N, C-alpha and C. Protein backbone atom coordinates (compact mmCIF):
# COMPACT_ATOMS: atom_id res chain seq x y z
N MET A 1 -108.63 -97.27 24.54
CA MET A 1 -109.61 -96.95 25.60
C MET A 1 -110.86 -96.77 24.99
N GLY A 2 -111.89 -97.31 25.67
CA GLY A 2 -113.31 -97.25 25.18
C GLY A 2 -113.94 -95.85 25.44
N GLU A 3 -115.05 -95.59 24.77
CA GLU A 3 -115.79 -94.40 24.96
C GLU A 3 -116.37 -94.33 26.33
N LYS A 4 -116.39 -93.24 27.03
CA LYS A 4 -116.97 -93.05 28.31
C LYS A 4 -118.56 -93.32 28.28
N SER A 5 -118.92 -94.16 29.17
CA SER A 5 -120.45 -94.41 29.20
C SER A 5 -121.09 -93.99 30.37
N GLU A 6 -122.38 -93.91 30.22
CA GLU A 6 -123.22 -93.37 31.32
C GLU A 6 -124.33 -94.43 31.65
N LYS A 7 -124.50 -94.58 32.94
CA LYS A 7 -125.53 -95.64 33.35
C LYS A 7 -126.91 -94.90 33.36
N ILE A 8 -127.82 -95.64 32.79
CA ILE A 8 -129.32 -95.21 32.92
C ILE A 8 -130.13 -96.40 33.29
N THR A 9 -131.28 -96.10 33.81
CA THR A 9 -132.21 -97.14 34.21
C THR A 9 -133.46 -97.05 33.41
N ILE A 10 -133.96 -98.24 32.90
CA ILE A 10 -135.25 -98.22 32.29
C ILE A 10 -136.03 -99.24 32.91
N ARG A 11 -137.38 -99.08 32.78
CA ARG A 11 -138.30 -100.07 33.36
C ARG A 11 -138.98 -100.84 32.26
N VAL A 12 -139.02 -102.18 32.33
CA VAL A 12 -139.70 -103.03 31.34
C VAL A 12 -140.41 -104.13 32.15
N SER A 13 -141.33 -104.76 31.57
CA SER A 13 -142.07 -105.82 32.20
C SER A 13 -141.07 -106.92 32.52
N SER A 14 -141.49 -107.81 33.45
CA SER A 14 -140.68 -108.96 33.69
C SER A 14 -140.55 -109.82 32.52
N GLU A 15 -141.62 -110.00 31.73
CA GLU A 15 -141.42 -110.78 30.46
C GLU A 15 -140.51 -110.19 29.42
N THR A 16 -140.53 -108.86 29.28
CA THR A 16 -139.63 -108.33 28.44
C THR A 16 -138.13 -108.42 28.95
N ALA A 17 -137.97 -108.30 30.15
CA ALA A 17 -136.61 -108.39 30.75
C ALA A 17 -136.06 -109.83 30.52
N ALA A 18 -136.99 -110.77 30.73
CA ALA A 18 -136.58 -112.17 30.48
C ALA A 18 -136.33 -112.41 28.98
N ARG A 19 -137.06 -111.91 28.10
CA ARG A 19 -136.79 -112.06 26.66
C ARG A 19 -135.49 -111.40 26.30
N LEU A 20 -135.20 -110.25 26.85
CA LEU A 20 -133.92 -109.53 26.57
C LEU A 20 -132.71 -110.45 27.01
N ARG A 21 -132.84 -110.90 28.26
CA ARG A 21 -131.76 -111.79 28.79
C ARG A 21 -131.56 -113.07 27.96
N MET A 22 -132.66 -113.67 27.52
CA MET A 22 -132.54 -114.90 26.73
C MET A 22 -131.90 -114.54 25.32
N ARG A 23 -132.37 -113.49 24.73
CA ARG A 23 -131.82 -113.16 23.44
C ARG A 23 -130.35 -112.73 23.59
N ALA A 24 -129.96 -112.01 24.63
CA ALA A 24 -128.60 -111.70 24.74
C ALA A 24 -127.69 -112.93 24.94
N GLU A 25 -128.18 -113.86 25.77
CA GLU A 25 -127.49 -115.11 26.00
C GLU A 25 -127.35 -115.90 24.69
N ALA A 26 -128.42 -115.97 23.92
CA ALA A 26 -128.45 -116.80 22.66
C ALA A 26 -127.50 -116.18 21.68
N GLU A 27 -127.31 -114.82 21.73
CA GLU A 27 -126.48 -114.13 20.77
C GLU A 27 -125.03 -113.97 21.32
N GLY A 28 -124.83 -114.35 22.51
CA GLY A 28 -123.46 -114.23 23.08
C GLY A 28 -123.14 -112.81 23.31
N THR A 29 -124.10 -112.01 23.76
CA THR A 29 -123.85 -110.60 23.98
C THR A 29 -124.54 -110.21 25.35
N THR A 30 -124.65 -108.88 25.53
CA THR A 30 -125.26 -108.43 26.75
C THR A 30 -126.56 -107.68 26.45
N VAL A 31 -127.34 -107.52 27.44
CA VAL A 31 -128.61 -106.80 27.24
C VAL A 31 -128.28 -105.35 26.92
N THR A 32 -127.21 -104.76 27.53
CA THR A 32 -126.78 -103.46 27.28
C THR A 32 -126.41 -103.32 25.78
N ALA A 33 -125.74 -104.24 25.30
CA ALA A 33 -125.38 -104.22 23.80
C ALA A 33 -126.54 -104.25 22.94
N LEU A 34 -127.51 -105.13 23.23
CA LEU A 34 -128.77 -105.22 22.44
C LEU A 34 -129.43 -103.95 22.38
N LEU A 35 -129.72 -103.37 23.60
CA LEU A 35 -130.47 -102.12 23.66
C LEU A 35 -129.65 -100.96 23.01
N THR A 36 -128.36 -100.83 23.24
CA THR A 36 -127.59 -99.81 22.57
C THR A 36 -127.68 -99.98 21.02
N ASP A 37 -127.55 -101.11 20.46
CA ASP A 37 -127.67 -101.34 19.05
C ASP A 37 -129.04 -100.81 18.54
N ALA A 38 -130.17 -101.28 19.34
CA ALA A 38 -131.54 -100.86 18.85
C ALA A 38 -131.63 -99.34 18.86
N VAL A 39 -131.14 -98.71 19.93
CA VAL A 39 -131.29 -97.22 19.99
C VAL A 39 -130.40 -96.56 18.93
N GLU A 40 -129.23 -97.02 18.66
CA GLU A 40 -128.41 -96.34 17.66
C GLU A 40 -128.95 -96.56 16.27
N ARG A 41 -129.70 -97.64 16.00
CA ARG A 41 -130.28 -97.81 14.64
C ARG A 41 -131.55 -97.11 14.42
N ASP A 42 -132.13 -96.51 15.53
CA ASP A 42 -133.37 -95.85 15.45
C ASP A 42 -133.22 -94.50 14.66
N PRO A 43 -133.78 -94.31 13.46
CA PRO A 43 -133.69 -93.07 12.71
C PRO A 43 -134.30 -91.83 13.34
N ARG A 44 -135.26 -92.10 14.26
CA ARG A 44 -135.88 -90.95 14.93
C ARG A 44 -134.85 -90.20 15.78
N LEU A 45 -133.81 -90.86 16.30
CA LEU A 45 -132.83 -90.20 17.14
C LEU A 45 -132.01 -89.29 16.20
N GLU A 46 -131.66 -89.73 15.09
CA GLU A 46 -130.79 -88.87 14.19
C GLU A 46 -131.53 -87.66 13.68
N LEU A 47 -132.88 -87.87 13.37
CA LEU A 47 -133.68 -86.78 13.03
C LEU A 47 -133.73 -85.69 14.08
N ALA A 48 -133.96 -86.15 15.32
CA ALA A 48 -134.06 -85.20 16.41
C ALA A 48 -132.73 -84.44 16.59
N ALA A 49 -131.60 -85.17 16.48
CA ALA A 49 -130.25 -84.58 16.60
C ALA A 49 -130.02 -83.59 15.53
N ALA A 50 -130.47 -83.91 14.29
CA ALA A 50 -130.27 -83.01 13.15
C ALA A 50 -131.11 -81.74 13.34
N ARG A 51 -132.31 -81.90 13.81
CA ARG A 51 -133.19 -80.67 14.06
C ARG A 51 -132.67 -79.81 15.17
N PHE A 52 -132.12 -80.42 16.18
CA PHE A 52 -131.46 -79.73 17.31
C PHE A 52 -130.26 -78.88 16.84
N ARG A 53 -129.41 -79.54 16.02
CA ARG A 53 -128.18 -78.88 15.48
C ARG A 53 -128.62 -77.69 14.61
N GLU A 54 -129.72 -77.84 13.78
CA GLU A 54 -130.14 -76.65 13.02
C GLU A 54 -130.66 -75.59 13.81
N LEU A 55 -131.40 -75.90 14.90
CA LEU A 55 -131.95 -74.91 15.81
C LEU A 55 -130.79 -74.11 16.46
N MET A 56 -129.79 -74.84 16.90
CA MET A 56 -128.60 -74.22 17.53
C MET A 56 -127.88 -73.17 16.53
N LYS A 57 -127.83 -73.65 15.30
CA LYS A 57 -127.14 -72.78 14.22
C LYS A 57 -128.00 -71.62 13.90
N SER A 58 -129.31 -71.66 14.07
CA SER A 58 -130.18 -70.59 13.59
C SER A 58 -130.12 -69.35 14.41
N GLY A 59 -129.64 -69.47 15.65
CA GLY A 59 -129.64 -68.27 16.50
C GLY A 59 -130.92 -68.06 17.23
N LEU A 60 -131.92 -68.88 17.03
CA LEU A 60 -133.15 -68.70 17.72
C LEU A 60 -133.04 -68.98 19.14
N VAL A 61 -132.20 -69.91 19.52
CA VAL A 61 -132.07 -70.19 21.01
C VAL A 61 -131.59 -68.98 21.67
N GLU A 62 -130.63 -68.22 21.18
CA GLU A 62 -130.02 -67.02 21.84
C GLU A 62 -131.13 -65.96 21.82
N GLU A 63 -131.83 -65.82 20.73
CA GLU A 63 -132.92 -64.83 20.69
C GLU A 63 -134.02 -65.06 21.77
N PHE A 64 -134.41 -66.33 21.90
CA PHE A 64 -135.46 -66.67 22.97
C PHE A 64 -134.88 -66.35 24.30
N ALA A 65 -133.65 -66.72 24.55
CA ALA A 65 -133.03 -66.48 25.87
C ALA A 65 -132.99 -64.97 26.16
N ALA A 66 -132.66 -64.18 25.13
CA ALA A 66 -132.63 -62.75 25.43
C ALA A 66 -133.96 -62.13 25.60
N ALA A 67 -134.98 -62.66 24.92
CA ALA A 67 -136.37 -62.11 24.97
C ALA A 67 -137.05 -62.61 26.23
N PHE A 68 -136.74 -63.77 26.68
CA PHE A 68 -137.44 -64.30 27.81
C PHE A 68 -136.46 -64.76 28.89
N PRO A 69 -135.70 -63.88 29.49
CA PRO A 69 -134.80 -64.38 30.44
C PRO A 69 -135.21 -65.15 31.64
N ASP A 70 -136.51 -64.89 31.98
CA ASP A 70 -137.07 -65.66 33.08
C ASP A 70 -137.52 -67.05 32.68
N GLU A 71 -137.47 -67.32 31.46
CA GLU A 71 -137.85 -68.67 30.96
C GLU A 71 -136.62 -69.66 30.87
N GLU A 72 -135.44 -69.20 31.25
CA GLU A 72 -134.33 -70.08 31.11
C GLU A 72 -134.49 -71.33 32.09
N PRO A 73 -134.08 -72.46 31.66
CA PRO A 73 -134.21 -73.64 32.47
C PRO A 73 -133.42 -73.49 33.71
N ASP A 74 -133.92 -74.00 34.84
CA ASP A 74 -133.18 -73.89 36.13
C ASP A 74 -132.52 -75.18 36.47
N ALA A 75 -132.51 -76.22 35.58
CA ALA A 75 -131.87 -77.43 35.83
C ALA A 75 -131.02 -77.82 34.59
N ASP A 76 -129.98 -78.53 34.83
CA ASP A 76 -129.07 -79.10 33.72
C ASP A 76 -129.78 -80.44 33.24
N ARG A 77 -129.18 -81.09 32.28
CA ARG A 77 -129.84 -82.29 31.76
C ARG A 77 -129.88 -83.40 32.72
N THR A 78 -129.14 -83.39 33.74
CA THR A 78 -129.18 -84.49 34.80
C THR A 78 -130.25 -84.24 35.79
N GLY A 79 -130.91 -83.05 35.69
CA GLY A 79 -131.93 -82.72 36.69
C GLY A 79 -131.39 -82.04 37.86
N ALA A 80 -130.17 -81.89 37.96
CA ALA A 80 -129.51 -81.08 39.17
C ALA A 80 -129.72 -79.61 39.00
N LYS A 81 -130.02 -78.99 40.06
CA LYS A 81 -130.24 -77.52 39.99
C LYS A 81 -128.97 -76.78 39.54
N ALA A 82 -129.15 -75.83 38.67
CA ALA A 82 -127.95 -75.05 38.18
C ALA A 82 -127.49 -74.15 39.34
N ALA A 83 -126.23 -73.80 39.34
CA ALA A 83 -125.62 -72.97 40.38
C ALA A 83 -125.99 -71.55 40.13
């Protein structure tokens, strides 16, 4: 069974969309696969993830939450209001 996926929407110019479709067809793959590969190879994403993991380990997140309880986010990552 494959990994659960999530649908996202991005906006690109008509020319970029056409180039993506042409490249995907030429490579025998999908636009989704091309974009996923590009994103997964981007080292900036791993750096951000590593920094986030270090921040979570540091305890600073909990300290901030305790010091500024009114500054807690009121929405989850999907943008839906928290209960």
